[in-house]
PDB file of N, CA and C in Angstrom:
ATOM      1  N   MET A   1       0.862  -1.165   0.000  1.00  0.00           N
ATOM      2  CA  MET A   1       0.000   0.000   0.000  1.00  0.00           C
ATOM      3  C   MET A   1       0.911   1.231   0.000  1.00  0.00           C
ATOM      4  N   ASN A   2       0.658   2.135  -0.939  1.00  0.00           N
ATOM      5  CA  ASN A   2       1.422   3.388  -0.954  1.00  0.00           C
ATOM      6  C   ASN A   2       0.669   4.454  -0.141  1.00  0.00           C
ATOM      7  N   ALA A   3       1.246   5.636  -0.047  1.00  0.00           N
ATOM      8  CA  ALA A   3       0.670   6.689   0.804  1.00  0.00           C
ATOM      9  C   ALA A   3      -0.731   7.108   0.354  1.00  0.00           C
ATOM     10  N   ALA A   4      -0.942   7.247  -0.942  1.00  0.00           N
ATOM     11  CA  ALA A   4      -2.268   7.643  -1.437  1.00  0.00           C
ATOM     12  C   ALA A   4      -3.306   6.559  -1.132  1.00  0.00           C
ATOM     13  N   GLN A   5      -2.932   5.304  -1.319  1.00  0.00           N
ATOM     14  CA  GLN A   5      -3.840   4.200  -1.005  1.00  0.00           C
ATOM     15  C   GLN A   5      -4.134   4.136   0.493  1.00  0.00           C
ATOM     16  N   MET A   6      -3.124   4.443   1.310  1.00  0.00           N
ATOM     17  CA  MET A   6      -3.323   4.447   2.757  1.00  0.00           C
ATOM     18  C   MET A   6      -4.339   5.510   3.156  1.00  0.00           C
ATOM     19  N   LEU A   7      -4.253   6.688   2.558  1.00  0.00           N
ATOM     20  CA  LEU A   7      -5.221   7.744   2.871  1.00  0.00           C
ATOM     21  C   LEU A   7      -6.629   7.320   2.456  1.00  0.00           C
ATOM     22  N   ALA A   8      -6.745   6.702   1.274  1.00  0.00           N
ATOM     23  CA  ALA A   8      -8.055   6.206   0.818  1.00  0.00           C
ATOM     24  C   ALA A   8      -8.568   5.125   1.767  1.00  0.00           C
ATOM     25  N   HIS A   9      -7.668   4.269   2.220  1.00  0.00           N
ATOM     26  CA  HIS A   9      -8.003   3.211   3.182  1.00  0.00           C
ATOM     27  C   HIS A   9      -8.569   3.823   4.466  1.00  0.00           C
ATOM     28  N   LEU A  10      -7.949   4.888   4.966  1.00  0.00           N
ATOM     29  CA  LEU A  10      -8.436   5.543   6.181  1.00  0.00           C
ATOM     30  C   LEU A  10      -9.799   6.188   5.973  1.00  0.00           C
ATOM     31  N   CYS A  11     -10.064   6.650   4.779  1.00  0.00           N
ATOM     32  CA  CYS A  11     -11.358   7.288   4.494  1.00  0.00           C
ATOM     33  C   CYS A  11     -12.524   6.303   4.596  1.00  0.00           C
ATOM     34  N   VAL A  12     -12.251   5.025   4.377  1.00  0.00           N
ATOM     35  CA  VAL A  12     -13.333   4.035   4.393  1.00  0.00           C
ATOM     36  C   VAL A  12     -14.056   4.025   5.736  1.00  0.00           C
ATOM     37  N   GLN A  13     -13.307   4.110   6.845  1.00  0.00           N
ATOM     38  CA  GLN A  13     -13.959   4.066   8.167  1.00  0.00           C
ATOM     39  C   GLN A  13     -14.936   5.230   8.345  1.00  0.00           C
ATOM     40  N   TYR A  14     -14.579   6.387   7.831  1.00  0.00           N
ATOM     41  CA  TYR A  14     -15.465   7.554   7.940  1.00  0.00           C
ATOM     42  C   TYR A  14     -16.641   7.412   6.976  1.00  0.00           C
ATOM     43  N   ASP A  15     -16.359   6.915   5.773  1.00  0.00           N
ATOM     44  CA  ASP A  15     -17.417   6.707   4.791  1.00  0.00           C
ATOM     45  C   ASP A  15     -18.460   5.738   5.353  1.00  0.00           C
ATOM     46  N   MET A  16     -17.996   4.716   6.058  1.00  0.00           N
ATOM     47  CA  MET A  16     -18.921   3.756   6.673  1.00  0.00           C
ATOM     48  C   MET A  16     -19.762   4.418   7.769  1.00  0.00           C
ATOM     49  N   ALA A  17     -19.180   5.371   8.470  1.00  0.00           N
ATOM     50  CA  ALA A  17     -19.900   6.052   9.550  1.00  0.00           C
ATOM     51  C   ALA A  17     -20.914   7.065   9.031  1.00  0.00           C
ATOM     52  N   PHE A  18     -20.650   7.638   7.867  1.00  0.00           N
ATOM     53  CA  PHE A  18     -21.499   8.721   7.365  1.00  0.00           C
ATOM     54  C   PHE A  18     -22.366   8.360   6.160  1.00  0.00           C
ATOM     55  N   SER A  19     -22.260   7.142   5.649  1.00  0.00           N
ATOM     56  CA  SER A  19     -23.066   6.788   4.472  1.00  0.00           C
ATOM     57  C   SER A  19     -23.633   5.379   4.616  1.00  0.00           C
ATOM     58  N   ASP A  20     -24.519   5.050   3.711  1.00  0.00           N
ATOM     59  CA  ASP A  20     -25.090   3.706   3.647  1.00  0.00           C
ATOM     60  C   ASP A  20     -24.525   2.953   2.447  1.00  0.00           C
ATOM     61  N   LYS A  21     -23.364   3.337   2.021  1.00  0.00           N
ATOM     62  CA  LYS A  21     -22.726   2.812   0.820  1.00  0.00           C
ATOM     63  C   LYS A  21     -22.279   1.352   0.973  1.00  0.00           C
ATOM     64  N   TYR A  22     -21.980   0.938   2.198  1.00  0.00           N
ATOM     65  CA  TYR A  22     -21.425  -0.390   2.434  1.00  0.00           C
ATOM     66  C   TYR A  22     -22.470  -1.306   3.051  1.00  0.00           C
ATOM     67  N   PRO A  23     -22.511  -2.558   2.594  1.00  0.00           N
ATOM     68  CA  PRO A  23     -23.481  -3.490   3.186  1.00  0.00           C
ATOM     69  C   PRO A  23     -23.041  -3.934   4.580  1.00  0.00           C
ATOM     70  N   LYS A  24     -24.001  -4.191   5.404  1.00  0.00           N
ATOM     71  CA  LYS A  24     -23.749  -4.699   6.748  1.00  0.00           C
ATOM     72  C   LYS A  24     -23.348  -6.175   6.616  1.00  0.00           C
ATOM     73  N   PRO A  25     -22.310  -6.594   7.323  1.00  0.00           N
ATOM     74  CA  PRO A  25     -21.965  -8.021   7.281  1.00  0.00           C
ATOM     75  C   PRO A  25     -23.134  -8.871   7.777  1.00  0.00           C
ATOM     76  N   GLY A  26     -23.175 -10.100   7.334  1.00  0.00           N
ATOM     77  CA  GLY A  26     -24.228 -11.012   7.751  1.00  0.00           C
ATOM     78  C   GLY A  26     -24.173 -11.289   9.251  1.00  0.00           C
ATOM     79  N   ARG A  27     -25.212 -11.879   9.752  1.00  0.00           N
ATOM     80  CA  ARG A  27     -25.355 -12.136  11.185  1.00  0.00           C
ATOM     81  C   ARG A  27     -24.184 -12.965  11.740  1.00  0.00           C
ATOM     82  N   ILE A  28     -23.788 -14.003  11.045  1.00  0.00           N
ATOM     83  CA  ILE A  28     -22.690 -14.863  11.521  1.00  0.00           C
ATOM     84  C   ILE A  28     -21.369 -14.097  11.491  1.00  0.00           C
ATOM     85  N   ALA A  29     -21.118 -13.356  10.415  1.00  0.00           N
ATOM     86  CA  ALA A  29     -19.890 -12.556  10.320  1.00  0.00           C
ATOM     87  C   ALA A  29     -19.839 -11.525  11.435  1.00  0.00           C
ATOM     88  N   ARG A  30     -20.961 -10.847  11.709  1.00  0.00           N
ATOM     89  CA  ARG A  30     -21.004  -9.852  12.801  1.00  0.00           C
ATOM     90  C   ARG A  30     -20.728 -10.514  14.149  1.00  0.00           C
ATOM     91  N   PHE A  31     -21.249 -11.717  14.353  1.00  0.00           N
ATOM     92  CA  PHE A  31     -21.005 -12.444  15.595  1.00  0.00           C
ATOM     93  C   PHE A  31     -19.498 -12.658  15.795  1.00  0.00           C
ATOM     94  N   PHE A  32     -18.823 -13.131  14.749  1.00  0.00           N
ATOM     95  CA  PHE A  32     -17.382 -13.388  14.860  1.00  0.00           C
ATOM     96  C   PHE A  32     -16.580 -12.095  14.949  1.00  0.00           C
ATOM     97  N   LEU A  33     -17.003 -11.056  14.241  1.00  0.00           N
ATOM     98  CA  LEU A  33     -16.326  -9.757  14.354  1.00  0.00           C
ATOM     99  C   LEU A  33     -16.456  -9.227  15.778  1.00  0.00           C
ATOM    100  N   HIS A  34     -17.634  -9.340  16.322  1.00  0.00           N
ATOM    101  CA  HIS A  34     -17.872  -8.879  17.690  1.00  0.00           C
ATOM    102  C   HIS A  34     -17.047  -9.685  18.694  1.00  0.00           C
ATOM    103  N   LEU A  35     -16.980 -10.978  18.473  1.00  0.00           N
ATOM    104  CA  LEU A  35     -16.289 -11.878  19.393  1.00  0.00           C
ATOM    105  C   LEU A  35     -14.766 -11.749  19.316  1.00  0.00           C
ATOM    106  N   PHE A  36     -14.218 -11.637  18.090  1.00  0.00           N
ATOM    107  CA  PHE A  36     -12.769 -11.709  17.931  1.00  0.00           C
ATOM    108  C   PHE A  36     -12.078 -10.413  17.533  1.00  0.00           C
ATOM    109  N   VAL A  37     -12.797  -9.447  16.989  1.00  0.00           N
ATOM    110  CA  VAL A  37     -12.149  -8.249  16.440  1.00  0.00           C
ATOM    111  C   VAL A  37     -12.516  -6.976  17.200  1.00  0.00           C
ATOM    112  N   ARG A  38     -13.705  -6.906  17.701  1.00  0.00           N
ATOM    113  CA  ARG A  38     -14.221  -5.672  18.309  1.00  0.00           C
ATOM    114  C   ARG A  38     -13.281  -5.086  19.360  1.00  0.00           C
ATOM    115  N   ASP A  39     -12.838  -5.885  20.306  1.00  0.00           N
ATOM    116  CA  ASP A  39     -11.966  -5.376  21.375  1.00  0.00           C
ATOM    117  C   ASP A  39     -10.629  -4.872  20.835  1.00  0.00           C
ATOM    118  N   THR A  40     -10.132  -5.499  19.796  1.00  0.00           N
ATOM    119  CA  THR A  40      -8.889  -5.041  19.171  1.00  0.00           C
ATOM    120  C   THR A  40      -9.092  -3.660  18.544  1.00  0.00           C
ATOM    121  N   VAL A  41     -10.228  -3.458  17.920  1.00  0.00           N
ATOM    122  CA  VAL A  41     -10.499  -2.211  17.202  1.00  0.00           C
ATOM    123  C   VAL A  41     -10.808  -1.054  18.157  1.00  0.00           C
ATOM    124  N   ILE A  42     -11.556  -1.323  19.217  1.00  0.00           N
ATOM    125  CA  ILE A  42     -11.950  -0.218  20.097  1.00  0.00           C
ATOM    126  C   ILE A  42     -11.222  -0.221  21.441  1.00  0.00           C
ATOM    127  N   GLY A  43     -10.347  -1.193  21.635  1.00  0.00           N
ATOM    128  CA  GLY A  43      -9.595  -1.273  22.885  1.00  0.00           C
ATOM    129  C   GLY A  43      -8.385  -0.355  22.889  1.00  0.00           C
ATOM    130  N   ASN A  44      -7.646  -0.366  23.988  1.00  0.00           N
ATOM    131  CA  ASN A  44      -6.518   0.546  24.157  1.00  0.00           C
ATOM    132  C   ASN A  44      -5.207   0.072  23.525  1.00  0.00           C
ATOM    133  N   LYS A  45      -5.078  -1.228  23.278  1.00  0.00           N
ATOM    134  CA  LYS A  45      -3.830  -1.738  22.712  1.00  0.00           C
ATOM    135  C   LYS A  45      -3.686  -1.311  21.250  1.00  0.00           C
ATOM    136  N   PRO A  46      -2.475  -0.928  20.836  1.00  0.00           N
ATOM    137  CA  PRO A  46      -2.260  -0.565  19.428  1.00  0.00           C
ATOM    138  C   PRO A  46      -2.453  -1.783  18.516  1.00  0.00           C
ATOM    139  N   TYR A  47      -2.760  -1.518  17.275  1.00  0.00           N
ATOM    140  CA  TYR A  47      -2.882  -2.594  16.290  1.00  0.00           C
ATOM    141  C   TYR A  47      -1.530  -3.253  16.067  1.00  0.00           C
ATOM    142  N   LYS A  48      -1.559  -4.536  15.787  1.00  0.00           N
ATOM    143  CA  LYS A  48      -0.348  -5.245  15.406  1.00  0.00           C
ATOM    144  C   LYS A  48      -0.079  -4.962  13.927  1.00  0.00           C
ATOM    145  N   ARG A  49       1.178  -4.946  13.575  1.00  0.00           N
ATOM    146  CA  ARG A  49       1.537  -4.751  12.167  1.00  0.00           C
ATOM    147  C   ARG A  49       1.055  -5.936  11.336  1.00  0.00           C
ATOM    148  N   ASN A  50       0.679  -5.629  10.101  1.00  0.00           N
ATOM    149  CA  ASN A  50       0.253  -6.642   9.132  1.00  0.00           C
ATOM    150  C   ASN A  50      -0.981  -7.428   9.577  1.00  0.00           C
ATOM    151  N   SER A  51      -1.854  -6.776  10.324  1.00  0.00           N
ATOM    152  CA  SER A  51      -3.115  -7.409  10.707  1.00  0.00           C
ATOM    153  C   SER A  51      -4.001  -7.539   9.471  1.00  0.00           C
ATOM    154  N   PRO A  52      -4.863  -8.546   9.430  1.00  0.00           N
ATOM    155  CA  PRO A  52      -5.761  -8.687   8.277  1.00  0.00           C
ATOM    156  C   PRO A  52      -6.733  -7.508   8.191  1.00  0.00           C
ATOM    157  N   THR A  53      -7.180  -7.221   6.993  1.00  0.00           N
ATOM    158  CA  THR A  53      -8.121  -6.119   6.784  1.00  0.00           C
ATOM    159  C   THR A  53      -9.348  -6.600   6.023  1.00  0.00           C
ATOM    160  N   ALA A  54     -10.456  -5.957   6.272  1.00  0.00           N
ATOM    161  CA  ALA A  54     -11.703  -6.306   5.589  1.00  0.00           C
ATOM    162  C   ALA A  54     -11.608  -5.916   4.113  1.00  0.00           C
ATOM    163  N   PRO A  55     -12.309  -6.642   3.252  1.00  0.00           N
ATOM    164  CA  PRO A  55     -12.237  -6.354   1.814  1.00  0.00           C
ATOM    165  C   PRO A  55     -12.533  -4.897   1.434  1.00  0.00           C
ATOM    166  N   ALA A  56     -13.481  -4.258   2.115  1.00  0.00           N
ATOM    167  CA  ALA A  56     -13.830  -2.869   1.782  1.00  0.00           C
ATOM    168  C   ALA A  56     -12.659  -1.914   2.002  1.00  0.00           C
ATOM    169  N   PHE A  57     -11.715  -2.302   2.849  1.00  0.00           N
ATOM    170  CA  PHE A  57     -10.583  -1.446   3.182  1.00  0.00           C
ATOM    171  C   PHE A  57      -9.371  -1.697   2.287  1.00  0.00           C
ATOM    172  N   ARG A  58      -9.414  -2.722   1.460  1.00  0.00           N
ATOM    173  CA  ARG A  58      -8.284  -3.022   0.576  1.00  0.00           C
ATOM    174  C   ARG A  58      -8.257  -2.035  -0.569  1.00  0.00           C
ATOM    175  N   MET A  59      -7.075  -1.503  -0.818  1.00  0.00           N
ATOM    176  CA  MET A  59      -6.900  -0.515  -1.883  1.00  0.00           C
ATOM    177  C   MET A  59      -5.915  -1.063  -2.912  1.00  0.00           C
ATOM    178  N   ASP A  60      -6.461  -1.564  -4.008  1.00  0.00           N
ATOM    179  CA  ASP A  60      -5.617  -2.153  -5.041  1.00  0.00           C
ATOM    180  C   ASP A  60      -5.386  -1.215  -6.216  1.00  0.00           C
ATOM    181  N   SER A  61      -6.308  -0.301  -6.427  1.00  0.00           N
ATOM    182  CA  SER A  61      -6.183   0.602  -7.577  1.00  0.00           C
ATOM    183  C   SER A  61      -5.390   1.850  -7.195  1.00  0.00           C
ATOM    184  N   PRO A  62      -4.801   2.509  -8.176  1.00  0.00           N
ATOM    185  CA  PRO A  62      -4.047   3.745  -7.894  1.00  0.00           C
ATOM    186  C   PRO A  62      -4.977   4.835  -7.352  1.00  0.00           C
ATOM    187  N   LYS A  63      -4.455   5.654  -6.469  1.00  0.00           N
ATOM    188  CA  LYS A  63      -5.198   6.767  -5.867  1.00  0.00           C
ATOM    189  C   LYS A  63      -4.378   8.031  -6.020  1.00  0.00           C
ATOM    190  N   ASN A  64      -5.064   9.165  -6.022  1.00  0.00           N
ATOM    191  CA  ASN A  64      -4.407  10.462  -6.103  1.00  0.00           C
ATOM    192  C   ASN A  64      -4.153  10.967  -4.689  1.00  0.00           C
ATOM    193  N   PHE A  65      -2.892  11.195  -4.342  1.00  0.00           N
ATOM    194  CA  PHE A  65      -2.517  11.566  -2.985  1.00  0.00           C
ATOM    195  C   PHE A  65      -3.248  12.822  -2.517  1.00  0.00           C
ATOM    196  N   GLU A  66      -3.212  13.878  -3.291  1.00  0.00           N
ATOM    197  CA  GLU A  66      -3.816  15.154  -2.875  1.00  0.00           C
ATOM    198  C   GLU A  66      -5.323  15.030  -2.700  1.00  0.00           C
ATOM    199  N   GLU A  67      -5.979  14.289  -3.588  1.00  0.00           N
ATOM    200  CA  GLU A  67      -7.430  14.096  -3.462  1.00  0.00           C
ATOM    201  C   GLU A  67      -7.777  13.305  -2.206  1.00  0.00           C
ATOM    202  N   GLU A  68      -7.027  12.259  -1.940  1.00  0.00           N
ATOM    203  CA  GLU A  68      -7.300  11.430  -0.763  1.00  0.00           C
ATOM    204  C   GLU A  68      -6.964  12.171   0.528  1.00  0.00           C
ATOM    205  N   LYS A  69      -5.908  12.953   0.501  1.00  0.00           N
ATOM    206  CA  LYS A  69      -5.548  13.769   1.671  1.00  0.00           C
ATOM    207  C   LYS A  69      -6.672  14.757   1.979  1.00  0.00           C
ATOM    208  N   LYS A  70      -7.157  15.422   0.947  1.00  0.00           N
ATOM    209  CA  LYS A  70      -8.250  16.389   1.120  1.00  0.00           C
ATOM    210  C   LYS A  70      -9.517  15.690   1.633  1.00  0.00           C
ATOM    211  N   ARG A  71      -9.789  14.512   1.096  1.00  0.00           N
ATOM    212  CA  ARG A  71     -10.973  13.748   1.512  1.00  0.00           C
ATOM    213  C   ARG A  71     -10.862  13.334   2.979  1.00  0.00           C
ATOM    214  N   LEU A  72      -9.684  12.848   3.399  1.00  0.00           N
ATOM    215  CA  LEU A  72      -9.499  12.434   4.790  1.00  0.00           C
ATOM    216  C   LEU A  72      -9.628  13.618   5.739  1.00  0.00           C
ATOM    217  N   ILE A  73      -9.018  14.728   5.400  1.00  0.00           N
ATOM    218  CA  ILE A  73      -9.133  15.927   6.239  1.00  0.00           C
ATOM    219  C   ILE A  73     -10.604  16.345   6.347  1.00  0.00           C
ATOM    220  N   GLY A  74     -11.329  16.280   5.234  1.00  0.00           N
ATOM    221  CA  GLY A  74     -12.758  16.613   5.247  1.00  0.00           C
ATOM    222  C   GLY A  74     -13.551  15.694   6.162  1.00  0.00           C
ATOM    223  N   TYR A  75     -13.248  14.409   6.129  1.00  0.00           N
ATOM    224  CA  TYR A  75     -13.943  13.462   6.999  1.00  0.00           C
ATOM    225  C   TYR A  75     -13.623  13.712   8.473  1.00  0.00           C
ATOM    226  N   ILE A  76     -12.366  14.008   8.773  1.00  0.00           N
ATOM    227  CA  ILE A  76     -11.995  14.287  10.160  1.00  0.00           C
ATOM    228  C   ILE A  76     -12.740  15.528  10.653  1.00  0.00           C
ATOM    229  N   GLN A  77     -12.807  16.549   9.807  1.00  0.00           N
ATOM    230  CA  GLN A  77     -13.540  17.766  10.170  1.00  0.00           C
ATOM    231  C   GLN A  77     -15.029  17.472  10.333  1.00  0.00           C
ATOM    232  N   LYS A  78     -15.579  16.643   9.447  1.00  0.00           N
ATOM    233  CA  LYS A  78     -16.996  16.298   9.529  1.00  0.00           C
ATOM    234  C   LYS A  78     -17.290  15.558  10.831  1.00  0.00           C
ATOM    235  N   ALA A  79     -16.418  14.641  11.224  1.00  0.00           N
ATOM    236  CA  ALA A  79     -16.614  13.911  12.475  1.00  0.00           C
ATOM    237  C   ALA A  79     -16.536  14.864  13.662  1.00  0.00           C
ATOM    238  N   GLN A  80     -15.606  15.784  13.604  1.00  0.00           N
ATOM    239  CA  GLN A  80     -15.467  16.761  14.694  1.00  0.00           C
ATOM    240  C   GLN A  80     -16.706  17.648  14.779  1.00  0.00           C
ATOM    241  N   GLU A  81     -17.195  18.097  13.630  1.00  0.00           N
ATOM    242  CA  GLU A  81     -18.384  18.955  13.605  1.00  0.00           C
ATOM    243  C   GLU A  81     -19.640  18.192  14.036  1.00  0.00           C
ATOM    244  N   ALA A  82     -19.734  16.910  13.672  1.00  0.00           N
ATOM    245  CA  ALA A  82     -20.897  16.103  14.058  1.00  0.00           C
ATOM    246  C   ALA A  82     -20.961  15.974  15.573  1.00  0.00           C
ATOM    247  N   GLY A  83     -19.803  15.847  16.185  1.00  0.00           N
ATOM    248  CA  GLY A  83     -19.715  15.845  17.631  1.00  0.00           C
ATOM    249  C   GLY A  83     -20.132  14.548  18.290  1.00  0.00           C
ATOM    250  N   GLU A  84     -19.984  14.570  19.589  1.00  0.00           N
ATOM    251  CA  GLU A  84     -20.236  13.402  20.419  1.00  0.00           C
ATOM    252  C   GLU A  84     -21.665  12.885  20.273  1.00  0.00           C
ATOM    253  N   SER A  85     -22.626  13.779  20.201  1.00  0.00           N
ATOM    254  CA  SER A  85     -24.030  13.350  20.161  1.00  0.00           C
ATOM    255  C   SER A  85     -24.347  12.532  18.906  1.00  0.00           C
ATOM    256  N   TYR A  86     -23.670  12.824  17.791  1.00  0.00           N
ATOM    257  CA  TYR A  86     -23.895  12.067  16.558  1.00  0.00           C
ATOM    258  C   TYR A  86     -23.449  10.612  16.721  1.00  0.00           C
ATOM    259  N   PHE A  87     -22.331  10.417  17.418  1.00  0.00           N
ATOM    260  CA  PHE A  87     -21.737   9.097  17.516  1.00  0.00           C
ATOM    261  C   PHE A  87     -22.209   8.283  18.724  1.00  0.00           C
ATOM    262  N   GLU A  88     -22.733   8.924  19.731  1.00  0.00           N
ATOM    263  CA  GLU A  88     -23.148   8.197  20.942  1.00  0.00           C
ATOM    264  C   GLU A  88     -24.263   7.209  20.606  1.00  0.00           C
ATOM    265  N   GLY A  89     -23.982   5.918  20.765  1.00  0.00           N
ATOM    266  CA  GLY A  89     -24.962   4.875  20.482  1.00  0.00           C
ATOM    267  C   GLY A  89     -25.136   4.558  19.009  1.00  0.00           C
ATOM    268  N   LYS A  90     -24.355   5.210  18.136  1.00  0.00           N
ATOM    269  CA  LYS A  90     -24.447   4.948  16.695  1.00  0.00           C
ATOM    270  C   LYS A  90     -23.950   3.537  16.409  1.00  0.00           C
ATOM    271  N   GLU A  91     -24.655   2.849  15.538  1.00  0.00           N
ATOM    272  CA  GLU A  91     -24.298   1.476  15.220  1.00  0.00           C
ATOM    273  C   GLU A  91     -23.194   1.421  14.169  1.00  0.00           C
ATOM    274  N   SER A  92     -22.181   0.665  14.470  1.00  0.00           N
ATOM    275  CA  SER A  92     -21.110   0.353  13.523  1.00  0.00           C
ATOM    276  C   SER A  92     -21.593  -0.824  12.681  1.00  0.00           C
ATOM    277  N   LEU A  93     -21.250  -0.840  11.408  1.00  0.00           N
ATOM    278  CA  LEU A  93     -21.666  -1.947  10.557  1.00  0.00           C
ATOM    279  C   LEU A  93     -21.192  -3.291  11.101  1.00  0.00           C
ATOM    280  N   SER A  94     -19.993  -3.315  11.632  1.00  0.00           N
ATOM    281  CA  SER A  94     -19.383  -4.575  12.053  1.00  0.00           C
ATOM    282  C   SER A  94     -19.460  -4.864  13.540  1.00  0.00           C
ATOM    283  N   PHE A  95     -19.567  -3.826  14.375  1.00  0.00           N
ATOM    284  CA  PHE A  95     -19.400  -4.019  15.813  1.00  0.00           C
ATOM    285  C   PHE A  95     -20.618  -3.653  16.650  1.00  0.00           C
ATOM    286  N   GLY A  96     -21.726  -3.344  16.010  1.00  0.00           N
ATOM    287  CA  GLY A  96     -22.930  -2.985  16.755  1.00  0.00           C
ATOM    288  C   GLY A  96     -22.846  -1.566  17.301  1.00  0.00           C
ATOM    289  N   LYS A  97     -23.693  -1.271  18.266  1.00  0.00           N
ATOM    290  CA  LYS A  97     -23.736   0.080  18.835  1.00  0.00           C
ATOM    291  C   LYS A  97     -22.456   0.361  19.608  1.00  0.00           C
ATOM    292  N   LEU A  98     -21.911   1.552  19.380  1.00  0.00           N
ATOM    293  CA  LEU A  98     -20.695   1.989  20.063  1.00  0.00           C
ATOM    294  C   LEU A  98     -20.959   3.318  20.754  1.00  0.00           C
ATOM    295  N   SER A  99     -20.227   3.569  21.792  1.00  0.00           N
ATOM    296  CA  SER A  99     -20.289   4.882  22.435  1.00  0.00           C
ATOM    297  C   SER A  99     -19.469   5.868  21.608  1.00  0.00           C
ATOM    298  N   ALA A 100     -19.658   7.134  21.873  1.00  0.00           N
ATOM    299  CA  ALA A 100     -18.869   8.160  21.177  1.00  0.00           C
ATOM    300  C   ALA A 100     -17.380   7.950  21.460  1.00  0.00           C
ATOM    301  N   ARG A 101     -17.056   7.566  22.678  1.00  0.00           N
ATOM    302  CA  ARG A 101     -15.660   7.312  23.033  1.00  0.00           C
ATOM    303  C   ARG A 101     -15.089   6.159  22.207  1.00  0.00           C
ATOM    304  N   GLN A 102     -15.865   5.097  22.031  1.00  0.00           N
ATOM    305  CA  GLN A 102     -15.404   3.949  21.249  1.00  0.00           C
ATOM    306  C   GLN A 102     -15.203   4.316  19.779  1.00  0.00           C
ATOM    307  N   TRP A 103     -16.108   5.133  19.232  1.00  0.00           N
ATOM    308  CA  TRP A 103     -15.923   5.612  17.866  1.00  0.00           C
ATOM    309  C   TRP A 103     -14.631   6.426  17.774  1.00  0.00           C
ATOM    310  N   ASN A 104     -14.409   7.286  18.757  1.00  0.00           N
ATOM    311  CA  ASN A 104     -13.212   8.117  18.764  1.00  0.00           C
ATOM    312  C   ASN A 104     -11.943   7.265  18.817  1.00  0.00           C
ATOM    313  N   VAL A 105     -11.948   6.260  19.683  1.00  0.00           N
ATOM    314  CA  VAL A 105     -10.792   5.358  19.786  1.00  0.00           C
ATOM    315  C   VAL A 105     -10.574   4.652  18.456  1.00  0.00           C
ATOM    316  N   MET A 106     -11.641   4.161  17.863  1.00  0.00           N
ATOM    317  CA  MET A 106     -11.521   3.441  16.593  1.00  0.00           C
ATOM    318  C   MET A 106     -10.915   4.331  15.512  1.00  0.00           C
ATOM    319  N   PHE A 107     -11.446   5.540  15.365  1.00  0.00           N
ATOM    320  CA  PHE A 107     -10.919   6.460  14.350  1.00  0.00           C
ATOM    321  C   PHE A 107      -9.463   6.828  14.627  1.00  0.00           C
ATOM    322  N   SER A 108      -9.183   7.268  15.833  1.00  0.00           N
ATOM    323  CA  SER A 108      -7.841   7.772  16.124  1.00  0.00           C
ATOM    324  C   SER A 108      -6.806   6.660  16.101  1.00  0.00           C
ATOM    325  N   LYS A 109      -7.167   5.494  16.591  1.00  0.00           N
ATOM    326  CA  LYS A 109      -6.247   4.370  16.616  1.00  0.00           C
ATOM    327  C   LYS A 109      -5.898   3.901  15.200  1.00  0.00           C
ATOM    328  N   HIS A 110      -6.895   3.823  14.346  1.00  0.00           N
ATOM    329  CA  HIS A 110      -6.668   3.404  12.966  1.00  0.00           C
ATOM    330  C   HIS A 110      -5.824   4.441  12.228  1.00  0.00           C
ATOM    331  N   ASN A 111      -6.172   5.713  12.409  1.00  0.00           N
ATOM    332  CA  ASN A 111      -5.394   6.776  11.761  1.00  0.00           C
ATOM    333  C   ASN A 111      -3.946   6.742  12.237  1.00  0.00           C
ATOM    334  N   ASP A 112      -3.756   6.650  13.534  1.00  0.00           N
ATOM    335  CA  ASP A 112      -2.401   6.631  14.094  1.00  0.00           C
ATOM    336  C   ASP A 112      -1.612   5.435  13.578  1.00  0.00           C
ATOM    337  N   HIS A 113      -2.245   4.292  13.525  1.00  0.00           N
ATOM    338  CA  HIS A 113      -1.580   3.072  13.063  1.00  0.00           C
ATOM    339  C   HIS A 113      -0.981   3.271  11.666  1.00  0.00           C
ATOM    340  N   HIS A 114      -1.774   3.802  10.764  1.00  0.00           N
ATOM    341  CA  HIS A 114      -1.300   3.927   9.383  1.00  0.00           C
ATOM    342  C   HIS A 114      -0.451   5.171   9.154  1.00  0.00           C
ATOM    343  N   LEU A 115      -0.810   6.278   9.767  1.00  0.00           N
ATOM    344  CA  LEU A 115       0.008   7.482   9.583  1.00  0.00           C
ATOM    345  C   LEU A 115       1.410   7.269  10.146  1.00  0.00           C
ATOM    346  N   SER A 116       1.527   6.576  11.260  1.00  0.00           N
ATOM    347  CA  SER A 116       2.847   6.338  11.825  1.00  0.00           C
ATOM    348  C   SER A 116       3.655   5.380  10.952  1.00  0.00           C
ATOM    349  N   GLN A 117       2.987   4.481  10.234  1.00  0.00           N
ATOM    350  CA  GLN A 117       3.698   3.611   9.296  1.00  0.00           C
ATOM    351  C   GLN A 117       4.415   4.431   8.220  1.00  0.00           C
ATOM    352  N   PHE A 118       3.831   5.578   7.892  1.00  0.00           N
ATOM    353  CA  PHE A 118       4.407   6.442   6.863  1.00  0.00           C
ATOM    354  C   PHE A 118       5.167   7.632   7.447  1.00  0.00           C
ATOM    355  N   GLY A 119       5.450   7.560   8.736  1.00  0.00           N
ATOM    356  CA  GLY A 119       6.262   8.583   9.372  1.00  0.00           C
ATOM    357  C   GLY A 119       5.585   9.928   9.580  1.00  0.00           C
ATOM    358  N   VAL A 120       4.247   9.909   9.643  1.00  0.00           N
ATOM    359  CA  VAL A 120       3.510  11.161   9.839  1.00  0.00           C
ATOM    360  C   VAL A 120       3.141  11.313  11.302  1.00  0.00           C
TER     361      VAL A 120
END
């Protein structure tokens, strides 16, 4: 994954929070995501390197760095403007209802994981 693809990859989490563009995983998949992945995503421990990623987050096609950077900054601003009340109790496609704090941890942890990989 190059830097432009990484920025596009980070945008997916925000796109999932603000749109209905992505299908909800099936009941069995959600059960296993909740059981095995949820705590890793919203918990305090940093992500391990080379962890598996969901298909929606895979970036195989070329991306434009400046466009993806602008898009990510826009999503971060949108999340900040939406505020705590927007996210409190909001359902995640994969992990069920989350608190605003859990959404914040998920966003910041994922961003930090990938931005630090690229020295940002």
